[in-house]
Amino acid sequence: MRAIWASISQLWTARRTPERARIGSAGERAAEAHLHAAGLRVLARNWRNPADTREELDLVCQDGEVLVFVEVKTRAASARVSGYHAVNARKKKVLLRVCRAYLARLRPPAKAYRFDIVEVAHDAGRESAAALESMALEPHLASKAKDGSLVWHYRDVPLFPNRANHRHE
């Protein structure tokens, strides 16, 4: 049993190298700059659920009257799985729990809220024509960061089970 836990611990620590942390932080800064340029105001960064501190919201923003929960996924431009698709059913279950924990603490309650994903390609030196074209067509949904990273913003991604309930009038 001890050997199994040692293996799990080793895998977990291997995933959290200083280089990965640096890339992740740079991705969050690029995402925040993109959101700010799109008119969103950041209310919280790396907010953790007090009931389970493993659960974290990367960014909580305000977009007019709408509270926006943002998951930031930083990937290599050549990654096999996009940041958008990395937010799978298991990850969405955790995100739903932490979003509900945040909402439960709000006074007054949010009138409306949504879930967004921001994907950052951190080594995008070899930009594809399609990526540049998408930026030209929808600059509020895609941009290029100062460090050359490409940033895509996916708005109102399905997360909340009853879509009608994510707007409280």
C-alpha atoms as a PDB file:
ATOM      1  CA  MET A   1       0.000   0.000   0.000  1.00  0.00           C
ATOM      2  CA  ARG A   2       2.825   2.373   0.872  1.00  0.00           C
ATOM      3  CA  ALA A   3       4.392   1.764  -2.560  1.00  0.00           C
ATOM      4  CA  ILE A   4       1.144   2.683  -4.299  1.00  0.00           C
ATOM      5  CA  TRP A   5       0.905   5.999  -2.411  1.00  0.00           C
ATOM      6  CA  ALA A   6       4.563   6.703  -3.141  1.00  0.00           C
ATOM      7  CA  SER A   7       3.904   6.202  -6.866  1.00  0.00           C
ATOM      8  CA  ILE A   8       0.838   8.446  -6.787  1.00  0.00           C
ATOM      9  CA  SER A   9       2.741  11.119  -4.878  1.00  0.00           C
ATOM     10  CA  GLN A  10       5.597  10.947  -7.370  1.00  0.00           C
ATOM     11  CA  LEU A  11       3.211  11.372 -10.316  1.00  0.00           C
ATOM     12  CA  TRP A  12       1.473  14.314  -8.639  1.00  0.00           C
ATOM     13  CA  THR A  13       4.760  16.085  -7.915  1.00  0.00           C
ATOM     14  CA  ALA A  14       6.017  15.424 -11.417  1.00  0.00           C
ATOM     15  CA  ARG A  15       2.985  17.250 -12.798  1.00  0.00           C
ATOM     16  CA  ARG A  16       3.666  20.355 -10.688  1.00  0.00           C
ATOM     17  CA  THR A  17       7.173  21.281 -11.787  1.00  0.00           C
ATOM     18  CA  PRO A  18       8.340  24.884 -11.485  1.00  0.00           C
ATOM     19  CA  GLU A  19       8.362  25.134 -15.296  1.00  0.00           C
ATOM     20  CA  ARG A  20       4.733  23.950 -15.560  1.00  0.00           C
ATOM     21  CA  ALA A  21       3.742  26.368 -12.797  1.00  0.00           C
ATOM     22  CA  ARG A  22       5.516  29.226 -14.612  1.00  0.00           C
ATOM     23  CA  ILE A  23       3.779  28.374 -17.902  1.00  0.00           C
ATOM     24  CA  GLY A  24       0.402  28.073 -16.143  1.00  0.00           C
ATOM     25  CA  SER A  25       0.853  31.444 -14.426  1.00  0.00           C
ATOM     26  CA  ALA A  26       1.857  33.071 -17.712  1.00  0.00           C
ATOM     27  CA  GLY A  27      -1.250  31.555 -19.317  1.00  0.00           C
ATOM     28  CA  GLU A  28      -3.485  32.952 -16.579  1.00  0.00           C
ATOM     29  CA  ARG A  29      -1.929  36.402 -17.015  1.00  0.00           C
ATOM     30  CA  ALA A  30      -2.493  36.218 -20.799  1.00  0.00           C
ATOM     31  CA  ALA A  31      -6.098  35.110 -20.220  1.00  0.00           C
ATOM     32  CA  GLU A  32      -6.670  37.926 -17.752  1.00  0.00           C
ATOM     33  CA  ALA A  33      -5.257  40.512 -20.173  1.00  0.00           C
ATOM     34  CA  HIS A  34      -7.509  39.176 -22.942  1.00  0.00           C
ATOM     35  CA  LEU A  35     -10.590  39.286 -20.718  1.00  0.00           C
ATOM     36  CA  HIS A  36      -9.751  42.795 -19.534  1.00  0.00           C
ATOM     37  CA  ALA A  37      -9.393  43.957 -23.159  1.00  0.00           C
ATOM     38  CA  ALA A  38     -12.801  42.358 -23.877  1.00  0.00           C
ATOM     39  CA  GLY A  39     -14.353  44.494 -21.121  1.00  0.00           C
ATOM     40  CA  LEU A  40     -14.516  41.993 -18.240  1.00  0.00           C
ATOM     41  CA  ARG A  41     -13.432  42.977 -14.722  1.00  0.00           C
ATOM     42  CA  VAL A  42     -11.578  40.393 -12.621  1.00  0.00           C
ATOM     43  CA  LEU A  43     -13.127  39.929  -9.164  1.00  0.00           C
ATOM     44  CA  ALA A  44     -11.075  36.949  -7.921  1.00  0.00           C
ATOM     45  CA  ARG A  45      -8.050  34.906  -8.949  1.00  0.00           C
ATOM     46  CA  ASN A  46      -7.462  31.295  -7.924  1.00  0.00           C
ATOM     47  CA  TRP A  47     -10.467  31.227  -5.570  1.00  0.00           C
ATOM     48  CA  ARG A  48     -10.574  27.994  -3.550  1.00  0.00           C
ATOM     49  CA  ASN A  49     -13.642  26.317  -2.112  1.00  0.00           C
ATOM     50  CA  PRO A  50     -13.306  26.576   1.692  1.00  0.00           C
ATOM     51  CA  ALA A  51     -15.011  23.163   2.031  1.00  0.00           C
ATOM     52  CA  ASP A  52     -12.425  21.494  -0.259  1.00  0.00           C
ATOM     53  CA  THR A  53      -9.332  23.569  -1.072  1.00  0.00           C
ATOM     54  CA  ARG A  54      -8.432  21.252  -3.972  1.00  0.00           C
ATOM     55  CA  GLU A  55     -11.320  22.853  -5.874  1.00  0.00           C
ATOM     56  CA  GLU A  56     -10.319  26.117  -7.507  1.00  0.00           C
ATOM     57  CA  LEU A  57     -11.750  28.743  -9.850  1.00  0.00           C
ATOM     58  CA  ASP A  58      -8.981  30.238 -11.981  1.00  0.00           C
ATOM     59  CA  LEU A  59     -10.773  33.562 -12.497  1.00  0.00           C
ATOM     60  CA  VAL A  60     -14.088  35.056 -11.453  1.00  0.00           C
ATOM     61  CA  CYS A  61     -15.051  38.075 -13.546  1.00  0.00           C
ATOM     62  CA  GLN A  62     -17.849  40.559 -14.030  1.00  0.00           C
ATOM     63  CA  ASP A  63     -19.200  41.120 -17.544  1.00  0.00           C
ATOM     64  CA  GLY A  64     -21.789  43.864 -17.123  1.00  0.00           C
ATOM     65  CA  GLU A  65     -24.482  42.299 -14.918  1.00  0.00           C
ATOM     66  CA  VAL A  66     -23.191  38.759 -15.486  1.00  0.00           C
ATOM     67  CA  LEU A  67     -20.860  36.923 -13.105  1.00  0.00           C
ATOM     68  CA  VAL A  68     -18.402  34.867 -15.165  1.00  0.00           C
ATOM     69  CA  PHE A  69     -16.528  31.798 -13.911  1.00  0.00           C
ATOM     70  CA  VAL A  70     -13.433  31.237 -16.065  1.00  0.00           C
ATOM     71  CA  GLU A  71     -11.342  28.087 -16.408  1.00  0.00           C
ATOM     72  CA  VAL A  72      -7.958  28.815 -18.000  1.00  0.00           C
ATOM     73  CA  LYS A  73      -6.227  26.009 -19.886  1.00  0.00           C
ATOM     74  CA  THR A  74      -2.671  26.637 -21.046  1.00  0.00           C
ATOM     75  CA  ARG A  75      -1.377  24.155 -23.589  1.00  0.00           C
ATOM     76  CA  ALA A  76       1.411  23.827 -26.101  1.00  0.00           C
ATOM     77  CA  ALA A  77       0.205  24.890 -29.535  1.00  0.00           C
ATOM     78  CA  SER A  78       0.979  21.346 -30.691  1.00  0.00           C
ATOM     79  CA  ALA A  79      -0.962  19.625 -27.874  1.00  0.00           C
ATOM     80  CA  ARG A  80      -3.115  16.690 -28.959  1.00  0.00           C
ATOM     81  CA  VAL A  81      -6.025  17.773 -26.740  1.00  0.00           C
ATOM     82  CA  SER A  82      -7.128  21.390 -26.873  1.00  0.00           C
ATOM     83  CA  GLY A  83      -7.675  23.343 -23.675  1.00  0.00           C
ATOM     84  CA  TYR A  84     -11.385  23.486 -24.432  1.00  0.00           C
ATOM     85  CA  HIS A  85     -11.632  19.698 -24.730  1.00  0.00           C
ATOM     86  CA  ALA A  86      -9.458  19.158 -21.639  1.00  0.00           C
ATOM     87  CA  VAL A  87     -12.410  20.411 -19.584  1.00  0.00           C
ATOM     88  CA  ASN A  88     -14.086  17.003 -19.657  1.00  0.00           C
ATOM     89  CA  ALA A  89     -17.126  15.710 -17.756  1.00  0.00           C
ATOM     90  CA  ARG A  90     -15.068  14.909 -14.637  1.00  0.00           C
ATOM     91  CA  LYS A  91     -13.499  18.389 -14.562  1.00  0.00           C
ATOM     92  CA  LYS A  92     -16.906  20.009 -15.178  1.00  0.00           C
ATOM     93  CA  LYS A  93     -18.325  18.146 -12.166  1.00  0.00           C
ATOM     94  CA  VAL A  94     -15.624  19.659  -9.938  1.00  0.00           C
ATOM     95  CA  LEU A  95     -16.062  23.098 -11.508  1.00  0.00           C
ATOM     96  CA  LEU A  96     -19.814  22.964 -10.958  1.00  0.00           C
ATOM     97  CA  ARG A  97     -19.236  22.207  -7.259  1.00  0.00           C
ATOM     98  CA  VAL A  98     -16.802  25.091  -6.801  1.00  0.00           C
ATOM     99  CA  CYS A  99     -19.032  27.513  -8.776  1.00  0.00           C
ATOM    100  CA  ARG A 100     -21.956  26.607  -6.532  1.00  0.00           C
ATOM    101  CA  ALA A 101     -19.778  27.137  -3.437  1.00  0.00           C
ATOM    102  CA  TYR A 102     -18.837  30.615  -4.707  1.00  0.00           C
ATOM    103  CA  LEU A 103     -22.456  31.460  -5.523  1.00  0.00           C
ATOM    104  CA  ALA A 104     -23.616  30.294  -2.085  1.00  0.00           C
ATOM    105  CA  ARG A 105     -21.329  32.876  -0.435  1.00  0.00           C
ATOM    106  CA  LEU A 106     -22.464  35.853  -2.534  1.00  0.00           C
ATOM    107  CA  ARG A 107     -24.557  38.555  -0.866  1.00  0.00           C
ATOM    108  CA  PRO A 108     -26.569  39.746  -2.692  1.00  0.00           C
ATOM    109  CA  PRO A 109     -26.866  36.699  -4.973  1.00  0.00           C
ATOM    110  CA  ALA A 110     -25.770  36.958  -8.605  1.00  0.00           C
ATOM    111  CA  LYS A 111     -28.571  37.893 -10.982  1.00  0.00           C
ATOM    112  CA  ALA A 112     -26.953  36.015 -13.857  1.00  0.00           C
ATOM    113  CA  TYR A 113     -23.855  33.892 -14.310  1.00  0.00           C
ATOM    114  CA  ARG A 114     -22.082  31.828 -16.909  1.00  0.00           C
ATOM    115  CA  PHE A 115     -19.054  29.615 -17.407  1.00  0.00           C
ATOM    116  CA  ASP A 116     -16.281  30.438 -19.896  1.00  0.00           C
ATOM    117  CA  ILE A 117     -13.099  28.673 -20.938  1.00  0.00           C
ATOM    118  CA  VAL A 118      -9.997  30.564 -22.028  1.00  0.00           C
ATOM    119  CA  GLU A 119      -7.425  28.498 -23.890  1.00  0.00           C
ATOM    120  CA  VAL A 120      -3.853  29.761 -24.178  1.00  0.00           C
ATOM    121  CA  ALA A 121      -1.341  28.250 -26.634  1.00  0.00           C
ATOM    122  CA  HIS A 122       1.954  29.205 -24.979  1.00  0.00           C
ATOM    123  CA  ASP A 123       4.445  28.249 -27.706  1.00  0.00           C
ATOM    124  CA  ALA A 124       2.552  29.521 -30.702  1.00  0.00           C
ATOM    125  CA  GLY A 125       5.578  30.594 -32.706  1.00  0.00           C
ATOM    126  CA  ARG A 126       4.332  28.453 -35.583  1.00  0.00           C
ATOM    127  CA  GLU A 127       0.935  30.117 -35.937  1.00  0.00           C
ATOM    128  CA  SER A 128      -1.467  28.505 -38.335  1.00  0.00           C
ATOM    129  CA  ALA A 129      -3.316  30.552 -40.928  1.00  0.00           C
ATOM    130  CA  ALA A 130      -6.614  29.382 -39.421  1.00  0.00           C
ATOM    131  CA  ALA A 131      -5.657  30.728 -35.978  1.00  0.00           C
ATOM    132  CA  LEU A 132      -4.748  34.122 -37.378  1.00  0.00           C
ATOM    133  CA  GLU A 133      -7.916  34.166 -39.479  1.00  0.00           C
ATOM    134  CA  SER A 134     -10.085  33.452 -36.423  1.00  0.00           C
ATOM    135  CA  MET A 135      -8.445  36.375 -34.628  1.00  0.00           C
ATOM    136  CA  ALA A 136      -9.182  38.708 -37.520  1.00  0.00           C
ATOM    137  CA  LEU A 137     -12.822  37.588 -37.662  1.00  0.00           C
ATOM    138  CA  GLU A 138     -13.575  37.735 -33.936  1.00  0.00           C
ATOM    139  CA  PRO A 139     -10.967  39.793 -32.028  1.00  0.00           C
ATOM    140  CA  HIS A 140     -13.104  39.725 -28.840  1.00  0.00           C
ATOM    141  CA  LEU A 141     -12.891  35.893 -28.841  1.00  0.00           C
ATOM    142  CA  ALA A 142      -9.259  35.475 -29.897  1.00  0.00           C
ATOM    143  CA  SER A 143      -6.118  37.521 -29.456  1.00  0.00           C
ATOM    144  CA  LYS A 144      -2.358  37.371 -29.365  1.00  0.00           C
ATOM    145  CA  ALA A 145      -0.661  37.968 -25.997  1.00  0.00           C
ATOM    146  CA  LYS A 146       2.448  40.128 -25.542  1.00  0.00           C
ATOM    147  CA  ASP A 147       4.597  36.994 -25.226  1.00  0.00           C
ATOM    148  CA  GLY A 148       3.282  35.626 -28.545  1.00  0.00           C
ATOM    149  CA  SER A 149       0.806  33.184 -27.002  1.00  0.00           C
ATOM    150  CA  LEU A 150      -2.503  32.722 -28.783  1.00  0.00           C
ATOM    151  CA  VAL A 151      -5.620  33.162 -26.641  1.00  0.00           C
ATOM    152  CA  TRP A 152      -9.109  31.835 -27.426  1.00  0.00           C
ATOM    153  CA  HIS A 153     -12.169  32.739 -25.353  1.00  0.00           C
ATOM    154  CA  TYR A 154     -15.113  30.307 -25.363  1.00  0.00           C
ATOM    155  CA  ARG A 155     -18.142  32.069 -23.844  1.00  0.00           C
ATOM    156  CA  ASP A 156     -21.106  30.486 -22.084  1.00  0.00           C
ATOM    157  CA  VAL A 157     -19.838  26.898 -22.145  1.00  0.00           C
ATOM    158  CA  PRO A 158     -22.477  24.425 -20.874  1.00  0.00           C
ATOM    159  CA  LEU A 159     -21.776  23.672 -17.215  1.00  0.00           C
ATOM    160  CA  PHE A 160     -24.901  24.364 -15.197  1.00  0.00           C
ATOM    161  CA  PRO A 161     -27.378  21.456 -15.546  1.00  0.00           C
ATOM    162  CA  ASN A 162     -30.531  23.527 -15.905  1.00  0.00           C
ATOM    163  CA  ARG A 163     -29.528  26.252 -18.355  1.00  0.00           C
ATOM    164  CA  ALA A 164     -32.661  28.258 -17.489  1.00  0.00           C
ATOM    165  CA  ASN A 165     -31.501  28.476 -13.875  1.00  0.00           C
ATOM    166  CA  HIS A 166     -28.260  30.273 -14.588  1.00  0.00           C
ATOM    167  CA  ARG A 167     -30.168  33.525 -15.016  1.00  0.00           C
ATOM    168  CA  HIS A 168     -31.916  34.781 -11.895  1.00  0.00           C
ATOM    169  CA  GLU A 169     -34.296  37.647 -12.556  1.00  0.00           C
END
